Amino acid sequence: MGRKQKQNKNNANHKGDQSKVAKISSLPTDLIPRPWYPLTVRISTLSVVTLNFDDLFSHLRSQLGLATSNNLRVRLKHIKVWGPIVATSSNTTLGQLHLRFYNPITNSVEQEIIRYPDAVRRSSAGYFYSTTIQNTSVGTLANPIVTFLSPAAAEVSDCVIYVHLLWRYIS
């Protein structure tokens, strides 16, 4: 077969492909997935030693401007915690962190971490949740997320927590 005949054959096949148009139904699909939105919630006004889902949903509601959290779902990705800066009248000291991270599904302890500050930096710790936990949707629960074993309850308000999560609102 000559070169010109091959080109004509290829052009004929190509023209034939163009005449095939995909037919799309005028009806929408039955399932419309709702997207998950990434968000980082900053919590710096913690007044309790244990951060649970109720506290997280309260901060999330205020950050998103929602009236209720009944239809709110989250997936935890990771948490970062910075220790206290304890200021007294005579000096400022950096406090240690002793944290216990919990599995939100089984309510069991996932990891316990102790971190000490150095001369110039606050103590800090973080925890990345497993893929199984990251893919589990959680509604309002009283289950703990993280517990401060140290610092003392009076110094917890000086700590800063960043909770990285995915969220969506189900109507």
N, C-alpha and C. Protein backbone atom coordinates (compact mmCIF):
# COMPACT_ATOMS: atom_id res chain seq x y z
N MET A 1 0.85 -1.16 0.00
CA MET A 1 0.00 0.00 0.00
C MET A 1 0.90 1.22 0.00
N GLY A 2 0.60 2.16 -0.87
CA GLY A 2 1.42 3.35 -0.98
C GLY A 2 1.18 4.34 0.15
N ARG A 3 2.06 5.30 0.20
CA ARG A 3 2.00 6.28 1.27
C ARG A 3 0.70 7.10 1.21
N LYS A 4 0.29 7.50 0.03
CA LYS A 4 -0.90 8.30 -0.14
C LYS A 4 -2.15 7.52 0.24
N GLN A 5 -2.17 6.21 -0.07
CA GLN A 5 -3.31 5.37 0.28
C GLN A 5 -3.44 5.24 1.80
N LYS A 6 -2.30 5.12 2.53
CA LYS A 6 -2.33 5.03 3.99
C LYS A 6 -2.89 6.32 4.59
N GLN A 7 -2.48 7.48 4.05
CA GLN A 7 -2.97 8.74 4.56
C GLN A 7 -4.48 8.87 4.34
N ASN A 8 -4.95 8.46 3.15
CA ASN A 8 -6.38 8.53 2.86
C ASN A 8 -7.16 7.61 3.81
N LYS A 9 -6.60 6.41 4.09
CA LYS A 9 -7.26 5.48 5.00
C LYS A 9 -7.32 6.04 6.41
N ASN A 10 -6.22 6.66 6.87
CA ASN A 10 -6.19 7.26 8.20
C ASN A 10 -7.17 8.43 8.29
N ASN A 11 -7.25 9.24 7.23
CA ASN A 11 -8.19 10.35 7.22
C ASN A 11 -9.63 9.84 7.26
N ALA A 12 -9.90 8.77 6.56
CA ALA A 12 -11.25 8.21 6.55
C ALA A 12 -11.62 7.70 7.94
N ASN A 13 -10.69 7.01 8.61
CA ASN A 13 -10.97 6.54 9.97
C ASN A 13 -11.17 7.71 10.94
N HIS A 14 -10.35 8.73 10.77
CA HIS A 14 -10.46 9.88 11.65
C HIS A 14 -11.80 10.58 11.47
N LYS A 15 -12.26 10.74 10.21
CA LYS A 15 -13.54 11.36 9.94
C LYS A 15 -14.67 10.51 10.52
N GLY A 16 -14.49 9.21 10.48
CA GLY A 16 -15.52 8.33 11.03
C GLY A 16 -15.63 8.48 12.53
N ASP A 17 -14.52 8.70 13.23
CA ASP A 17 -14.54 8.89 14.67
C ASP A 17 -15.24 10.20 15.04
N GLN A 18 -15.08 11.22 14.19
CA GLN A 18 -15.69 12.50 14.50
C GLN A 18 -17.21 12.44 14.41
N SER A 19 -17.74 11.56 13.61
CA SER A 19 -19.19 11.49 13.45
C SER A 19 -19.86 10.80 14.65
N LYS A 20 -19.09 10.12 15.48
CA LYS A 20 -19.64 9.47 16.66
C LYS A 20 -19.68 10.49 17.80
N VAL A 21 -20.86 10.88 18.22
CA VAL A 21 -21.03 11.86 19.28
C VAL A 21 -21.63 11.16 20.48
N ALA A 22 -21.08 11.42 21.64
CA ALA A 22 -21.60 10.81 22.86
C ALA A 22 -22.97 11.40 23.16
N LYS A 23 -23.91 10.53 23.48
CA LYS A 23 -25.25 10.98 23.82
C LYS A 23 -25.33 11.13 25.34
N ILE A 24 -25.75 12.31 25.77
CA ILE A 24 -25.85 12.60 27.19
C ILE A 24 -27.33 12.75 27.53
N SER A 25 -27.71 12.10 28.61
CA SER A 25 -29.09 12.17 29.07
C SER A 25 -29.41 13.58 29.53
N SER A 26 -30.65 13.99 29.33
CA SER A 26 -31.07 15.31 29.80
C SER A 26 -31.37 15.31 31.29
N LEU A 27 -31.41 14.13 31.91
CA LEU A 27 -31.67 14.01 33.35
C LEU A 27 -30.35 13.99 34.11
N PRO A 28 -30.29 14.63 35.29
CA PRO A 28 -29.04 14.58 36.08
C PRO A 28 -28.86 13.19 36.68
N THR A 29 -27.65 12.93 37.13
CA THR A 29 -27.37 11.65 37.76
C THR A 29 -28.11 11.55 39.08
N ASP A 30 -28.33 10.34 39.55
CA ASP A 30 -29.05 10.13 40.81
C ASP A 30 -28.23 10.55 42.02
N LEU A 31 -26.93 10.42 41.94
CA LEU A 31 -26.05 10.70 43.07
C LEU A 31 -25.21 11.94 42.78
N ILE A 32 -25.31 12.91 43.64
CA ILE A 32 -24.48 14.11 43.53
C ILE A 32 -23.63 14.17 44.79
N PRO A 33 -22.35 13.82 44.70
CA PRO A 33 -21.51 13.81 45.90
C PRO A 33 -21.25 15.22 46.41
N ARG A 34 -21.31 15.37 47.72
CA ARG A 34 -20.99 16.65 48.34
C ARG A 34 -19.49 16.70 48.59
N PRO A 35 -18.85 17.80 48.26
CA PRO A 35 -17.39 17.87 48.44
C PRO A 35 -17.00 18.05 49.90
N TRP A 36 -15.78 17.65 50.21
CA TRP A 36 -15.17 17.90 51.52
C TRP A 36 -14.28 19.11 51.36
N TYR A 37 -14.40 20.06 52.28
CA TYR A 37 -13.63 21.29 52.22
C TYR A 37 -12.52 21.26 53.27
N PRO A 38 -11.28 21.58 52.88
CA PRO A 38 -10.20 21.62 53.87
C PRO A 38 -10.29 22.89 54.72
N LEU A 39 -9.94 22.75 55.98
CA LEU A 39 -10.00 23.88 56.89
C LEU A 39 -9.05 23.64 58.05
N THR A 40 -8.45 24.70 58.55
CA THR A 40 -7.64 24.65 59.75
C THR A 40 -8.33 25.48 60.82
N VAL A 41 -8.63 24.84 61.93
CA VAL A 41 -9.30 25.52 63.04
C VAL A 41 -8.25 25.86 64.07
N ARG A 42 -8.16 27.15 64.41
CA ARG A 42 -7.21 27.61 65.43
C ARG A 42 -7.96 27.74 66.74
N ILE A 43 -7.45 27.07 67.77
CA ILE A 43 -8.07 27.12 69.08
C ILE A 43 -7.02 27.66 70.05
N SER A 44 -7.26 28.87 70.53
CA SER A 44 -6.32 29.47 71.48
C SER A 44 -7.02 29.87 72.77
N THR A 45 -8.28 29.57 72.88
CA THR A 45 -9.05 29.94 74.07
C THR A 45 -9.57 28.69 74.77
N LEU A 46 -8.74 27.69 74.86
CA LEU A 46 -9.14 26.44 75.49
C LEU A 46 -9.16 26.61 77.01
N SER A 47 -10.28 26.28 77.62
CA SER A 47 -10.40 26.46 79.07
C SER A 47 -10.48 25.13 79.81
N VAL A 48 -10.35 24.03 79.08
CA VAL A 48 -10.41 22.70 79.69
C VAL A 48 -9.16 21.93 79.34
N VAL A 49 -8.89 20.89 80.08
CA VAL A 49 -7.68 20.09 79.86
C VAL A 49 -7.85 19.14 78.69
N THR A 50 -9.08 18.74 78.37
CA THR A 50 -9.33 17.81 77.28
C THR A 50 -10.13 18.51 76.18
N LEU A 51 -9.58 18.49 74.96
CA LEU A 51 -10.30 18.99 73.79
C LEU A 51 -11.10 17.82 73.22
N ASN A 52 -12.42 17.95 73.17
CA ASN A 52 -13.24 16.90 72.58
C ASN A 52 -13.96 17.44 71.35
N PHE A 53 -14.75 16.58 70.72
CA PHE A 53 -15.42 16.98 69.49
C PHE A 53 -16.44 18.09 69.71
N ASP A 54 -17.09 18.11 70.87
CA ASP A 54 -18.04 19.18 71.15
C ASP A 54 -17.34 20.54 71.14
N ASP A 55 -16.15 20.61 71.76
CA ASP A 55 -15.36 21.84 71.75
C ASP A 55 -14.94 22.21 70.33
N LEU A 56 -14.48 21.21 69.57
CA LEU A 56 -14.05 21.45 68.20
C LEU A 56 -15.22 21.96 67.36
N PHE A 57 -16.40 21.34 67.49
CA PHE A 57 -17.56 21.77 66.72
C PHE A 57 -18.00 23.18 67.13
N SER A 58 -17.84 23.53 68.38
CA SER A 58 -18.17 24.88 68.83
C SER A 58 -17.27 25.91 68.15
N HIS A 59 -15.97 25.64 68.11
CA HIS A 59 -15.03 26.54 67.43
C HIS A 59 -15.28 26.56 65.93
N LEU A 60 -15.59 25.42 65.37
CA LEU A 60 -15.86 25.31 63.94
C LEU A 60 -17.12 26.09 63.57
N ARG A 61 -18.16 25.97 64.37
CA ARG A 61 -19.40 26.72 64.13
C ARG A 61 -19.14 28.22 64.14
N SER A 62 -18.37 28.67 65.12
CA SER A 62 -18.10 30.11 65.20
C SER A 62 -17.22 30.57 64.04
N GLN A 63 -16.27 29.75 63.60
CA GLN A 63 -15.39 30.13 62.50
C GLN A 63 -16.16 30.15 61.17
N LEU A 64 -17.12 29.23 60.99
CA LEU A 64 -17.89 29.16 59.75
C LEU A 64 -19.17 29.99 59.80
N GLY A 65 -19.56 30.45 60.98
CA GLY A 65 -20.78 31.23 61.10
C GLY A 65 -22.04 30.40 61.01
N LEU A 66 -22.00 29.16 61.50
CA LEU A 66 -23.16 28.28 61.46
C LEU A 66 -23.93 28.37 62.77
N ALA A 67 -25.26 28.21 62.67
CA ALA A 67 -26.10 28.26 63.88
C ALA A 67 -26.00 26.98 64.70
N THR A 68 -26.02 25.84 64.03
CA THR A 68 -25.94 24.55 64.73
C THR A 68 -24.91 23.67 64.05
N SER A 69 -24.54 22.60 64.74
CA SER A 69 -23.59 21.66 64.15
C SER A 69 -24.23 20.29 63.96
N ASN A 70 -25.56 20.22 63.96
CA ASN A 70 -26.24 18.93 63.81
C ASN A 70 -25.92 18.25 62.50
N ASN A 71 -25.79 19.02 61.43
CA ASN A 71 -25.54 18.45 60.10
C ASN A 71 -24.09 18.61 59.66
N LEU A 72 -23.22 18.90 60.57
CA LEU A 72 -21.81 19.11 60.25
C LEU A 72 -21.04 17.80 60.42
N ARG A 73 -20.19 17.48 59.46
CA ARG A 73 -19.35 16.28 59.53
C ARG A 73 -17.91 16.69 59.29
N VAL A 74 -16.99 16.04 60.01
CA VAL A 74 -15.57 16.34 59.86
C VAL A 74 -14.77 15.05 59.70
N ARG A 75 -13.61 15.21 59.12
CA ARG A 75 -12.60 14.16 59.04
C ARG A 75 -11.30 14.78 59.52
N LEU A 76 -10.75 14.25 60.60
CA LEU A 76 -9.51 14.78 61.16
C LEU A 76 -8.32 14.35 60.31
N LYS A 77 -7.44 15.29 60.03
CA LYS A 77 -6.21 15.00 59.29
C LYS A 77 -5.01 14.99 60.24
N HIS A 78 -4.73 16.12 60.87
CA HIS A 78 -3.66 16.17 61.85
C HIS A 78 -3.86 17.36 62.79
N ILE A 79 -3.14 17.28 63.90
CA ILE A 79 -3.24 18.30 64.95
C ILE A 79 -1.83 18.78 65.29
N LYS A 80 -1.70 20.08 65.49
CA LYS A 80 -0.44 20.68 65.95
C LYS A 80 -0.73 21.46 67.22
N VAL A 81 0.14 21.31 68.22
CA VAL A 81 -0.07 21.97 69.51
C VAL A 81 1.22 22.68 69.90
N TRP A 82 1.08 23.95 70.35
CA TRP A 82 2.21 24.71 70.87
C TRP A 82 2.00 24.93 72.35
N GLY A 83 3.05 24.73 73.12
CA GLY A 83 2.98 24.82 74.57
C GLY A 83 2.83 26.23 75.08
N PRO A 84 2.66 26.34 76.38
CA PRO A 84 2.38 27.65 76.98
C PRO A 84 3.62 28.52 77.11
N ILE A 85 3.36 29.81 77.12
CA ILE A 85 4.35 30.80 77.51
C ILE A 85 3.82 31.35 78.82
N VAL A 86 4.44 30.96 79.91
CA VAL A 86 3.95 31.32 81.24
C VAL A 86 4.63 32.61 81.67
N ALA A 87 3.83 33.67 81.77
CA ALA A 87 4.37 34.97 82.16
C ALA A 87 3.97 35.28 83.60
N THR A 88 4.96 35.54 84.41
CA THR A 88 4.71 35.99 85.78
C THR A 88 5.22 37.42 85.91
N SER A 89 5.07 37.98 87.07
CA SER A 89 5.52 39.36 87.26
C SER A 89 7.04 39.49 87.17
N SER A 90 7.76 38.40 87.48
CA SER A 90 9.23 38.49 87.48
C SER A 90 9.88 37.99 86.19
N ASN A 91 9.29 36.98 85.53
CA ASN A 91 9.91 36.47 84.31
C ASN A 91 8.89 35.72 83.44
N THR A 92 9.35 35.33 82.28
CA THR A 92 8.54 34.55 81.35
C THR A 92 9.24 33.22 81.13
N THR A 93 8.50 32.13 81.27
CA THR A 93 9.09 30.81 81.06
C THR A 93 8.29 30.06 80.00
N LEU A 94 8.95 29.11 79.39
CA LEU A 94 8.31 28.26 78.40
C LEU A 94 8.01 26.92 79.06
N GLY A 95 6.77 26.50 78.97
CA GLY A 95 6.35 25.27 79.64
C GLY A 95 6.46 24.04 78.76
N GLN A 96 6.51 22.89 79.39
CA GLN A 96 6.57 21.62 78.65
C GLN A 96 5.16 21.22 78.22
N LEU A 97 5.13 20.28 77.27
CA LEU A 97 3.88 19.69 76.80
C LEU A 97 3.91 18.19 77.08
N HIS A 98 2.86 17.69 77.64
CA HIS A 98 2.67 16.25 77.80
C HIS A 98 1.25 16.00 77.31
N LEU A 99 1.14 15.40 76.12
CA LEU A 99 -0.15 15.26 75.44
C LEU A 99 -0.52 13.81 75.22
N ARG A 100 -1.80 13.57 75.17
CA ARG A 100 -2.33 12.25 74.83
C ARG A 100 -3.33 12.44 73.69
N PHE A 101 -3.01 11.86 72.51
CA PHE A 101 -3.90 11.94 71.34
C PHE A 101 -4.77 10.69 71.29
N TYR A 102 -6.05 10.88 70.97
CA TYR A 102 -7.01 9.77 70.98
C TYR A 102 -7.48 9.42 69.57
N ASN A 103 -7.87 8.16 69.41
CA ASN A 103 -8.52 7.69 68.20
C ASN A 103 -9.99 8.06 68.30
N PRO A 104 -10.51 8.87 67.37
CA PRO A 104 -11.91 9.29 67.48
C PRO A 104 -12.92 8.18 67.21
N ILE A 105 -12.49 7.09 66.60
CA ILE A 105 -13.40 5.99 66.28
C ILE A 105 -13.55 5.06 67.47
N THR A 106 -12.42 4.63 68.04
CA THR A 106 -12.46 3.65 69.12
C THR A 106 -12.34 4.28 70.50
N ASN A 107 -12.06 5.59 70.56
CA ASN A 107 -11.89 6.30 71.81
C ASN A 107 -10.72 5.77 72.65
N SER A 108 -9.73 5.21 71.98
CA SER A 108 -8.55 4.69 72.66
C SER A 108 -7.36 5.63 72.43
N VAL A 109 -6.34 5.51 73.26
CA VAL A 109 -5.16 6.35 73.14
C VAL A 109 -4.34 5.91 71.93
N GLU A 110 -4.06 6.86 71.05
CA GLU A 110 -3.25 6.60 69.86
C GLU A 110 -1.78 6.85 70.13
N GLN A 111 -1.49 7.97 70.80
CA GLN A 111 -0.10 8.37 71.01
C GLN A 111 -0.01 9.26 72.24
N GLU A 112 1.06 9.09 73.01
CA GLU A 112 1.34 9.98 74.12
C GLU A 112 2.70 10.61 73.87
N ILE A 113 2.77 11.93 73.94
CA ILE A 113 3.97 12.66 73.57
C ILE A 113 4.36 13.64 74.67
N ILE A 114 5.66 13.70 74.97
CA ILE A 114 6.20 14.71 75.89
C ILE A 114 7.22 15.53 75.12
N ARG A 115 7.07 16.84 75.15
CA ARG A 115 8.00 17.74 74.47
C ARG A 115 8.42 18.85 75.44
N TYR A 116 9.70 19.20 75.37
CA TYR A 116 10.25 20.26 76.23
C TYR A 116 10.67 21.43 75.35
N PRO A 117 10.55 22.65 75.87
CA PRO A 117 11.00 23.81 75.10
C PRO A 117 12.52 23.90 75.14
N ASP A 118 13.08 24.62 74.16
CA ASP A 118 14.51 24.91 74.24
C ASP A 118 14.65 26.38 74.67
N ALA A 119 15.81 26.93 74.50
CA ALA A 119 16.07 28.27 75.02
C ALA A 119 15.24 29.36 74.33
N VAL A 120 14.84 29.13 73.08
CA VAL A 120 14.15 30.19 72.34
C VAL A 120 12.80 29.77 71.75
N ARG A 121 12.48 28.50 71.75
CA ARG A 121 11.23 28.06 71.12
C ARG A 121 10.30 27.40 72.12
N ARG A 122 9.01 27.60 71.89
CA ARG A 122 8.00 26.93 72.71
C ARG A 122 8.05 25.44 72.42
N SER A 123 7.59 24.67 73.38
CA SER A 123 7.45 23.24 73.12
C SER A 123 6.30 23.06 72.14
N SER A 124 6.44 22.09 71.25
CA SER A 124 5.39 21.85 70.27
C SER A 124 5.35 20.36 69.93
N ALA A 125 4.17 19.91 69.54
CA ALA A 125 4.00 18.52 69.17
C ALA A 125 2.88 18.45 68.14
N GLY A 126 2.90 17.39 67.37
CA GLY A 126 1.86 17.19 66.38
C GLY A 126 1.58 15.72 66.20
N TYR A 127 0.43 15.44 65.62
CA TYR A 127 0.05 14.05 65.38
C TYR A 127 -0.72 13.96 64.08
N PHE A 128 -0.26 13.06 63.18
CA PHE A 128 -0.95 12.79 61.93
C PHE A 128 -1.78 11.52 62.11
N TYR A 129 -3.07 11.63 61.83
CA TYR A 129 -3.95 10.47 61.97
C TYR A 129 -3.74 9.49 60.82
N SER A 130 -4.03 8.21 61.08
CA SER A 130 -3.88 7.18 60.06
C SER A 130 -4.91 7.40 58.96
N THR A 131 -4.70 6.76 57.83
CA THR A 131 -5.61 6.89 56.69
C THR A 131 -7.01 6.44 57.04
N THR A 132 -7.13 5.40 57.84
CA THR A 132 -8.45 4.91 58.26
C THR A 132 -9.20 5.99 59.01
N ILE A 133 -8.54 6.66 59.93
CA ILE A 133 -9.18 7.72 60.70
C ILE A 133 -9.45 8.93 59.82
N GLN A 134 -8.51 9.26 58.92
CA GLN A 134 -8.68 10.41 58.04
C GLN A 134 -9.88 10.24 57.11
N ASN A 135 -10.24 9.02 56.79
CA ASN A 135 -11.35 8.76 55.88
C ASN A 135 -12.66 8.47 56.60
N THR A 136 -12.69 8.63 57.91
CA THR A 136 -13.90 8.37 58.69
C THR A 136 -14.58 9.69 59.03
N SER A 137 -15.83 9.79 58.66
CA SER A 137 -16.61 10.99 58.93
C SER A 137 -17.15 10.94 60.35
N VAL A 138 -16.99 12.03 61.09
CA VAL A 138 -17.40 12.08 62.49
C VAL A 138 -18.40 13.21 62.67
N GLY A 139 -19.52 12.91 63.33
CA GLY A 139 -20.49 13.93 63.71
C GLY A 139 -20.20 14.40 65.12
N THR A 140 -21.14 15.02 65.75
CA THR A 140 -20.95 15.53 67.10
C THR A 140 -20.81 14.39 68.10
N LEU A 141 -19.70 14.35 68.80
CA LEU A 141 -19.42 13.34 69.81
C LEU A 141 -18.82 14.00 71.04
N ALA A 142 -18.88 13.31 72.14
CA ALA A 142 -18.20 13.80 73.34
C ALA A 142 -16.82 13.16 73.48
N ASN A 143 -16.40 12.38 72.48
CA ASN A 143 -15.11 11.70 72.54
C ASN A 143 -13.97 12.71 72.58
N PRO A 144 -12.91 12.40 73.33
CA PRO A 144 -11.76 13.31 73.39
C PRO A 144 -10.93 13.23 72.11
N ILE A 145 -10.27 14.33 71.80
CA ILE A 145 -9.33 14.38 70.68
C ILE A 145 -7.92 14.42 71.23
N VAL A 146 -7.68 15.34 72.15
CA VAL A 146 -6.37 15.46 72.78
C VAL A 146 -6.56 15.88 74.24
N THR A 147 -5.73 15.31 75.12
CA THR A 147 -5.75 15.66 76.54
C THR A 147 -4.39 16.20 76.94
N PHE A 148 -4.39 17.30 77.69
CA PHE A 148 -3.16 17.89 78.21
C PHE A 148 -2.89 17.27 79.58
N LEU A 149 -1.85 16.47 79.70
CA LEU A 149 -1.42 15.96 81.00
C LEU A 149 -0.52 16.98 81.68
N SER A 150 0.14 17.79 80.88
CA SER A 150 0.93 18.90 81.35
C SER A 150 0.94 19.89 80.19
N PRO A 151 0.71 21.11 80.33
CA PRO A 151 0.75 21.94 81.52
C PRO A 151 -0.48 21.78 82.39
N ALA A 152 -0.43 22.47 83.52
CA ALA A 152 -1.55 22.46 84.46
C ALA A 152 -2.76 23.14 83.82
N ALA A 153 -3.92 22.87 84.38
CA ALA A 153 -5.17 23.40 83.83
C ALA A 153 -5.16 24.92 83.69
N ALA A 154 -4.51 25.62 84.60
CA ALA A 154 -4.47 27.07 84.54
C ALA A 154 -3.64 27.58 83.36
N GLU A 155 -2.70 26.78 82.88
CA GLU A 155 -1.82 27.20 81.79
C GLU A 155 -2.28 26.72 80.43
N VAL A 156 -3.31 25.89 80.36
CA VAL A 156 -3.79 25.36 79.08
C VAL A 156 -4.29 26.48 78.18
N SER A 157 -4.84 27.52 78.77
CA SER A 157 -5.34 28.64 77.97
C SER A 157 -4.22 29.37 77.24
N ASP A 158 -2.97 29.17 77.65
CA ASP A 158 -1.83 29.78 76.96
C ASP A 158 -1.33 28.94 75.79
N CYS A 159 -1.88 27.75 75.60
CA CYS A 159 -1.50 26.87 74.50
C CYS A 159 -2.29 27.23 73.24
N VAL A 160 -1.73 26.86 72.10
CA VAL A 160 -2.41 27.09 70.82
C VAL A 160 -2.51 25.76 70.10
N ILE A 161 -3.70 25.47 69.59
CA ILE A 161 -3.95 24.21 68.88
C ILE A 161 -4.43 24.52 67.47
N TYR A 162 -3.86 23.84 66.49
CA TYR A 162 -4.35 23.91 65.12
C TYR A 162 -4.84 22.52 64.73
N VAL A 163 -6.12 22.44 64.39
CA VAL A 163 -6.71 21.16 63.96
C VAL A 163 -6.95 21.27 62.47
N HIS A 164 -6.25 20.43 61.70
CA HIS A 164 -6.41 20.39 60.25
C HIS A 164 -7.43 19.31 59.94
N LEU A 165 -8.48 19.68 59.20
CA LEU A 165 -9.57 18.75 58.96
C LEU A 165 -10.23 19.01 57.61
N LEU A 166 -11.10 18.09 57.25
CA LEU A 166 -12.00 18.27 56.13
C LEU A 166 -13.40 18.38 56.71
N TRP A 167 -14.24 19.22 56.16
CA TRP A 167 -15.60 19.36 56.68
C TRP A 167 -16.60 19.46 55.54
N ARG A 168 -17.83 19.13 55.87
CA ARG A 168 -18.95 19.37 54.95
C ARG A 168 -20.22 19.47 55.75
N TYR A 169 -21.20 20.13 55.17
CA TYR A 169 -22.49 20.35 55.81
C TYR A 169 -23.52 19.55 55.04
N ILE A 170 -24.23 18.71 55.75
CA ILE A 170 -25.24 17.84 55.13
C ILE A 170 -26.61 18.42 55.43
N SER A 171 -27.37 18.71 54.38
CA SER A 171 -28.71 19.29 54.61
C SER A 171 -29.77 18.22 54.72
